[in-house]
Amino acid sequence: MTAYAVSACQEHDASTAEFLNLIVRCYDALIRDFQDAKQAHADGRENVLMDRVRHAQDILTELLIGLDYERGGEIAANLGRIYNYMLRELIALRAAKAQETLERMIRMAADLREAWVHVADAA
């Protein structure tokens, strides 16, 4: 393998690792937003609740528009469905069910984060 090919492979590996780390950091922020929103709801701080929900919606939207359906195939399609479900749940968030909904969102995001960590570790 030529030095150029080795360098190109190393650059690809580095950019893949950076991309995967960015995805994991997005999930970290998403989980933090859900946890903060849940606590704000419990404390009756509606303005903080809505701020964290809006930020979580922004993250989910970025994850959604970043999906590559051609290269990602079924995995991208499934992630798209999950992100859209989470967005719908946040839009429909009601005070009476907020704690349950946010706890479900935390679990879902944590599971997805863990999957991306495994992908990053394998890359």
N, C-alpha and C. Protein backbone atom coordinates (compact mmCIF):
# COMPACT_ATOMS: atom_id res chain seq x y z
N MET A 1 0.85 -1.17 0.00
CA MET A 1 0.00 0.00 0.00
C MET A 1 0.90 1.24 0.00
N THR A 2 0.56 2.19 -0.84
CA THR A 2 1.36 3.40 -0.93
C THR A 2 1.14 4.29 0.29
N ALA A 3 2.06 5.20 0.49
CA ALA A 3 1.93 6.15 1.60
C ALA A 3 0.65 6.97 1.45
N TYR A 4 0.30 7.33 0.21
CA TYR A 4 -0.92 8.10 -0.04
C TYR A 4 -2.15 7.28 0.37
N ALA A 5 -2.17 6.00 0.02
CA ALA A 5 -3.31 5.15 0.37
C ALA A 5 -3.43 4.99 1.88
N VAL A 6 -2.29 4.79 2.54
CA VAL A 6 -2.30 4.67 4.00
C VAL A 6 -2.84 5.96 4.62
N SER A 7 -2.37 7.10 4.13
CA SER A 7 -2.83 8.39 4.64
C SER A 7 -4.32 8.56 4.42
N ALA A 8 -4.81 8.18 3.24
CA ALA A 8 -6.23 8.31 2.93
C ALA A 8 -7.06 7.43 3.86
N CYS A 9 -6.59 6.22 4.12
CA CYS A 9 -7.30 5.31 5.03
C CYS A 9 -7.33 5.88 6.45
N GLN A 10 -6.20 6.43 6.88
CA GLN A 10 -6.14 7.01 8.22
C GLN A 10 -7.08 8.20 8.34
N GLU A 11 -7.13 9.04 7.30
CA GLU A 11 -8.04 10.19 7.32
C GLU A 11 -9.49 9.72 7.35
N HIS A 12 -9.80 8.68 6.58
CA HIS A 12 -11.17 8.14 6.57
C HIS A 12 -11.54 7.60 7.94
N ASP A 13 -10.61 6.84 8.54
CA ASP A 13 -10.85 6.30 9.87
C ASP A 13 -11.07 7.41 10.89
N ALA A 14 -10.27 8.46 10.81
CA ALA A 14 -10.40 9.59 11.74
C ALA A 14 -11.73 10.30 11.55
N SER A 15 -12.12 10.52 10.29
CA SER A 15 -13.39 11.23 10.06
C SER A 15 -14.57 10.36 10.47
N THR A 16 -14.47 9.04 10.28
CA THR A 16 -15.53 8.14 10.73
C THR A 16 -15.64 8.17 12.24
N ALA A 17 -14.51 8.13 12.92
CA ALA A 17 -14.51 8.17 14.39
C ALA A 17 -15.08 9.49 14.88
N GLU A 18 -14.72 10.60 14.24
CA GLU A 18 -15.26 11.90 14.64
C GLU A 18 -16.77 11.94 14.44
N PHE A 19 -17.24 11.41 13.31
CA PHE A 19 -18.67 11.38 13.02
C PHE A 19 -19.41 10.56 14.07
N LEU A 20 -18.90 9.38 14.38
CA LEU A 20 -19.56 8.52 15.36
C LEU A 20 -19.54 9.16 16.74
N ASN A 21 -18.45 9.81 17.10
CA ASN A 21 -18.39 10.52 18.39
C ASN A 21 -19.38 11.67 18.43
N LEU A 22 -19.58 12.35 17.31
CA LEU A 22 -20.57 13.43 17.24
C LEU A 22 -21.97 12.88 17.48
N ILE A 23 -22.28 11.74 16.88
CA ILE A 23 -23.59 11.12 17.07
C ILE A 23 -23.79 10.78 18.55
N VAL A 24 -22.79 10.18 19.17
CA VAL A 24 -22.89 9.82 20.59
C VAL A 24 -23.09 11.08 21.43
N ARG A 25 -22.37 12.16 21.11
CA ARG A 25 -22.54 13.42 21.86
C ARG A 25 -23.95 13.99 21.67
N CYS A 26 -24.53 13.81 20.49
CA CYS A 26 -25.91 14.25 20.27
C CYS A 26 -26.86 13.50 21.19
N TYR A 27 -26.64 12.19 21.31
CA TYR A 27 -27.48 11.40 22.22
C TYR A 27 -27.25 11.81 23.67
N ASP A 28 -26.01 12.12 24.05
CA ASP A 28 -25.74 12.61 25.40
C ASP A 28 -26.55 13.87 25.69
N ALA A 29 -26.55 14.80 24.74
CA ALA A 29 -27.30 16.05 24.91
C ALA A 29 -28.79 15.78 24.94
N LEU A 30 -29.26 14.86 24.12
CA LEU A 30 -30.68 14.52 24.08
C LEU A 30 -31.13 13.93 25.41
N ILE A 31 -30.35 13.02 25.95
CA ILE A 31 -30.68 12.41 27.25
C ILE A 31 -30.67 13.47 28.34
N ARG A 32 -29.68 14.35 28.32
CA ARG A 32 -29.62 15.45 29.31
C ARG A 32 -30.86 16.33 29.21
N ASP A 33 -31.26 16.66 27.98
CA ASP A 33 -32.46 17.47 27.79
C ASP A 33 -33.69 16.78 28.37
N PHE A 34 -33.85 15.50 28.11
CA PHE A 34 -35.00 14.76 28.64
C PHE A 34 -34.97 14.72 30.16
N GLN A 35 -33.80 14.47 30.74
CA GLN A 35 -33.68 14.43 32.20
C GLN A 35 -33.98 15.80 32.81
N ASP A 36 -33.44 16.86 32.20
CA ASP A 36 -33.69 18.21 32.70
C ASP A 36 -35.17 18.57 32.57
N ALA A 37 -35.78 18.17 31.46
CA ALA A 37 -37.21 18.46 31.25
C ALA A 37 -38.05 17.72 32.28
N LYS A 38 -37.69 16.49 32.55
CA LYS A 38 -38.43 15.70 33.55
C LYS A 38 -38.34 16.35 34.92
N GLN A 39 -37.12 16.79 35.31
CA GLN A 39 -36.95 17.45 36.60
C GLN A 39 -37.70 18.79 36.63
N ALA A 40 -37.62 19.54 35.55
CA ALA A 40 -38.33 20.83 35.49
C ALA A 40 -39.83 20.62 35.63
N HIS A 41 -40.36 19.57 35.01
CA HIS A 41 -41.79 19.28 35.15
C HIS A 41 -42.13 18.95 36.59
N ALA A 42 -41.30 18.14 37.23
CA ALA A 42 -41.54 17.77 38.63
C ALA A 42 -41.49 18.99 39.54
N ASP A 43 -40.63 19.96 39.19
CA ASP A 43 -40.48 21.18 39.99
C ASP A 43 -41.48 22.26 39.63
N GLY A 44 -42.29 22.02 38.60
CA GLY A 44 -43.26 23.01 38.16
C GLY A 44 -42.65 24.17 37.38
N ARG A 45 -41.47 23.98 36.84
CA ARG A 45 -40.80 25.03 36.06
C ARG A 45 -41.11 24.82 34.57
N GLU A 46 -42.28 25.26 34.17
CA GLU A 46 -42.76 25.02 32.81
C GLU A 46 -41.88 25.66 31.74
N ASN A 47 -41.32 26.84 32.05
CA ASN A 47 -40.47 27.50 31.04
C ASN A 47 -39.22 26.68 30.76
N VAL A 48 -38.62 26.08 31.80
CA VAL A 48 -37.44 25.23 31.61
C VAL A 48 -37.85 23.95 30.89
N LEU A 49 -38.98 23.38 31.28
CA LEU A 49 -39.49 22.18 30.62
C LEU A 49 -39.60 22.42 29.11
N MET A 50 -40.25 23.50 28.72
CA MET A 50 -40.46 23.76 27.30
C MET A 50 -39.15 24.08 26.59
N ASP A 51 -38.23 24.75 27.26
CA ASP A 51 -36.93 25.05 26.66
C ASP A 51 -36.17 23.76 26.37
N ARG A 52 -36.15 22.84 27.32
CA ARG A 52 -35.45 21.57 27.14
C ARG A 52 -36.14 20.71 26.07
N VAL A 53 -37.46 20.73 26.04
CA VAL A 53 -38.19 19.97 25.02
C VAL A 53 -37.88 20.52 23.64
N ARG A 54 -37.86 21.84 23.50
CA ARG A 54 -37.52 22.45 22.21
C ARG A 54 -36.11 22.09 21.78
N HIS A 55 -35.18 22.11 22.71
CA HIS A 55 -33.80 21.75 22.38
C HIS A 55 -33.72 20.28 21.95
N ALA A 56 -34.43 19.41 22.66
CA ALA A 56 -34.46 17.99 22.28
C ALA A 56 -35.06 17.83 20.88
N GLN A 57 -36.10 18.60 20.58
CA GLN A 57 -36.70 18.54 19.24
C GLN A 57 -35.69 18.98 18.19
N ASP A 58 -34.90 20.00 18.50
CA ASP A 58 -33.87 20.45 17.56
C ASP A 58 -32.84 19.35 17.29
N ILE A 59 -32.42 18.66 18.34
CA ILE A 59 -31.45 17.58 18.18
C ILE A 59 -32.04 16.46 17.34
N LEU A 60 -33.27 16.06 17.67
CA LEU A 60 -33.92 14.99 16.91
C LEU A 60 -34.08 15.38 15.44
N THR A 61 -34.41 16.64 15.19
CA THR A 61 -34.56 17.10 13.81
C THR A 61 -33.23 17.01 13.08
N GLU A 62 -32.14 17.41 13.72
CA GLU A 62 -30.82 17.32 13.10
C GLU A 62 -30.44 15.86 12.84
N LEU A 63 -30.72 14.98 13.79
CA LEU A 63 -30.44 13.57 13.57
C LEU A 63 -31.26 13.03 12.40
N LEU A 64 -32.50 13.47 12.32
CA LEU A 64 -33.40 13.02 11.26
C LEU A 64 -32.94 13.48 9.88
N ILE A 65 -32.61 14.77 9.77
CA ILE A 65 -32.22 15.26 8.44
C ILE A 65 -30.82 14.79 8.06
N GLY A 66 -30.05 14.32 9.02
CA GLY A 66 -28.72 13.81 8.73
C GLY A 66 -28.70 12.36 8.26
N LEU A 67 -29.85 11.70 8.28
CA LEU A 67 -29.89 10.30 7.85
C LEU A 67 -29.64 10.19 6.35
N ASP A 68 -28.84 9.22 5.98
CA ASP A 68 -28.57 8.94 4.56
C ASP A 68 -29.33 7.66 4.22
N TYR A 69 -30.52 7.84 3.64
CA TYR A 69 -31.39 6.70 3.36
C TYR A 69 -30.83 5.79 2.27
N GLU A 70 -30.03 6.34 1.37
CA GLU A 70 -29.45 5.52 0.31
C GLU A 70 -28.38 4.58 0.87
N ARG A 71 -27.47 5.13 1.63
CA ARG A 71 -26.39 4.32 2.19
C ARG A 71 -26.83 3.56 3.43
N GLY A 72 -27.76 4.14 4.19
CA GLY A 72 -28.18 3.54 5.45
C GLY A 72 -29.26 2.50 5.33
N GLY A 73 -29.96 2.49 4.20
CA GLY A 73 -30.98 1.48 3.95
C GLY A 73 -32.00 1.34 5.06
N GLU A 74 -32.22 0.10 5.47
CA GLU A 74 -33.23 -0.21 6.46
C GLU A 74 -32.91 0.40 7.83
N ILE A 75 -31.64 0.46 8.17
CA ILE A 75 -31.26 1.05 9.46
C ILE A 75 -31.65 2.53 9.49
N ALA A 76 -31.34 3.26 8.42
CA ALA A 76 -31.70 4.68 8.35
C ALA A 76 -33.22 4.85 8.40
N ALA A 77 -33.94 3.99 7.68
CA ALA A 77 -35.40 4.07 7.68
C ALA A 77 -35.95 3.83 9.08
N ASN A 78 -35.40 2.84 9.79
CA ASN A 78 -35.86 2.56 11.16
C ASN A 78 -35.52 3.70 12.11
N LEU A 79 -34.32 4.26 11.98
CA LEU A 79 -33.96 5.41 12.81
C LEU A 79 -34.89 6.58 12.51
N GLY A 80 -35.21 6.79 11.25
CA GLY A 80 -36.14 7.86 10.87
C GLY A 80 -37.49 7.69 11.54
N ARG A 81 -37.98 6.46 11.57
CA ARG A 81 -39.26 6.19 12.24
C ARG A 81 -39.17 6.47 13.74
N ILE A 82 -38.06 6.05 14.35
CA ILE A 82 -37.89 6.28 15.79
C ILE A 82 -37.81 7.78 16.08
N TYR A 83 -37.01 8.52 15.32
CA TYR A 83 -36.88 9.96 15.54
C TYR A 83 -38.22 10.66 15.35
N ASN A 84 -38.97 10.28 14.31
CA ASN A 84 -40.29 10.88 14.08
C ASN A 84 -41.25 10.56 15.22
N TYR A 85 -41.20 9.33 15.72
CA TYR A 85 -42.04 8.96 16.87
C TYR A 85 -41.70 9.83 18.07
N MET A 86 -40.42 9.98 18.35
CA MET A 86 -40.00 10.79 19.49
C MET A 86 -40.44 12.24 19.32
N LEU A 87 -40.32 12.77 18.11
CA LEU A 87 -40.77 14.14 17.85
C LEU A 87 -42.27 14.27 18.09
N ARG A 88 -43.05 13.31 17.60
CA ARG A 88 -44.51 13.36 17.81
C ARG A 88 -44.85 13.30 19.29
N GLU A 89 -44.15 12.46 20.04
CA GLU A 89 -44.40 12.35 21.48
C GLU A 89 -44.09 13.67 22.19
N LEU A 90 -43.03 14.33 21.80
CA LEU A 90 -42.68 15.60 22.43
C LEU A 90 -43.68 16.69 22.06
N ILE A 91 -44.14 16.69 20.82
CA ILE A 91 -45.13 17.68 20.39
C ILE A 91 -46.43 17.49 21.17
N ALA A 92 -46.79 16.23 21.42
CA ALA A 92 -48.05 15.93 22.10
C ALA A 92 -47.90 15.86 23.62
N LEU A 93 -46.76 16.27 24.14
CA LEU A 93 -46.49 16.18 25.58
C LEU A 93 -47.59 16.88 26.37
N ARG A 94 -48.18 16.14 27.27
CA ARG A 94 -49.23 16.68 28.12
C ARG A 94 -48.77 16.60 29.57
N ALA A 95 -49.18 17.57 30.34
CA ALA A 95 -48.73 17.66 31.73
C ALA A 95 -49.00 16.38 32.51
N ALA A 96 -50.18 15.79 32.31
CA ALA A 96 -50.55 14.61 33.08
C ALA A 96 -49.65 13.41 32.79
N LYS A 97 -49.14 13.32 31.58
CA LYS A 97 -48.33 12.17 31.18
C LYS A 97 -46.86 12.53 30.95
N ALA A 98 -46.46 13.73 31.29
CA ALA A 98 -45.11 14.21 30.96
C ALA A 98 -44.03 13.33 31.57
N GLN A 99 -44.16 12.96 32.83
CA GLN A 99 -43.13 12.15 33.48
C GLN A 99 -42.96 10.81 32.78
N GLU A 100 -44.09 10.15 32.45
CA GLU A 100 -44.02 8.86 31.77
C GLU A 100 -43.40 9.00 30.39
N THR A 101 -43.85 10.01 29.65
CA THR A 101 -43.34 10.22 28.30
C THR A 101 -41.85 10.51 28.33
N LEU A 102 -41.42 11.40 29.20
CA LEU A 102 -40.00 11.75 29.27
C LEU A 102 -39.15 10.57 29.73
N GLU A 103 -39.65 9.77 30.65
CA GLU A 103 -38.91 8.58 31.07
C GLU A 103 -38.75 7.60 29.90
N ARG A 104 -39.81 7.44 29.11
CA ARG A 104 -39.74 6.58 27.93
C ARG A 104 -38.73 7.12 26.92
N MET A 105 -38.71 8.44 26.75
CA MET A 105 -37.76 9.06 25.82
C MET A 105 -36.32 8.88 26.31
N ILE A 106 -36.11 8.97 27.62
CA ILE A 106 -34.77 8.76 28.19
C ILE A 106 -34.31 7.34 27.89
N ARG A 107 -35.18 6.36 28.13
CA ARG A 107 -34.81 4.96 27.88
C ARG A 107 -34.51 4.72 26.41
N MET A 108 -35.34 5.25 25.53
CA MET A 108 -35.13 5.06 24.10
C MET A 108 -33.81 5.69 23.65
N ALA A 109 -33.57 6.92 24.08
CA ALA A 109 -32.34 7.61 23.69
C ALA A 109 -31.11 6.90 24.26
N ALA A 110 -31.21 6.41 25.49
CA ALA A 110 -30.08 5.70 26.10
C ALA A 110 -29.78 4.40 25.34
N ASP A 111 -30.82 3.69 24.93
CA ASP A 111 -30.62 2.46 24.15
C ASP A 111 -29.96 2.77 22.80
N LEU A 112 -30.44 3.82 22.14
CA LEU A 112 -29.86 4.20 20.85
C LEU A 112 -28.41 4.66 21.03
N ARG A 113 -28.15 5.42 22.09
CA ARG A 113 -26.78 5.87 22.36
C ARG A 113 -25.85 4.68 22.54
N GLU A 114 -26.31 3.71 23.31
CA GLU A 114 -25.49 2.53 23.56
C GLU A 114 -25.17 1.80 22.25
N ALA A 115 -26.14 1.71 21.36
CA ALA A 115 -25.90 1.07 20.06
C ALA A 115 -24.84 1.83 19.27
N TRP A 116 -24.91 3.16 19.28
CA TRP A 116 -23.91 3.96 18.56
C TRP A 116 -22.54 3.84 19.19
N VAL A 117 -22.47 3.70 20.51
CA VAL A 117 -21.18 3.50 21.18
C VAL A 117 -20.56 2.19 20.69
N HIS A 118 -21.37 1.14 20.57
CA HIS A 118 -20.87 -0.14 20.06
C HIS A 118 -20.37 0.00 18.62
N VAL A 119 -21.10 0.75 17.81
CA VAL A 119 -20.66 0.98 16.42
C VAL A 119 -19.33 1.72 16.42
N ALA A 120 -19.23 2.75 17.25
CA ALA A 120 -17.99 3.54 17.31
C ALA A 120 -16.82 2.68 17.79
N ASP A 121 -17.07 1.82 18.77
CA ASP A 121 -16.01 0.96 19.28
C ASP A 121 -15.55 -0.05 18.24
N ALA A 122 -16.47 -0.48 17.38
CA ALA A 122 -16.14 -1.47 16.36
C ALA A 122 -15.46 -0.85 15.15
N ALA A 123 -15.59 0.48 15.00
CA ALA A 123 -15.03 1.16 13.81
C ALA A 123 -13.53 1.32 13.90
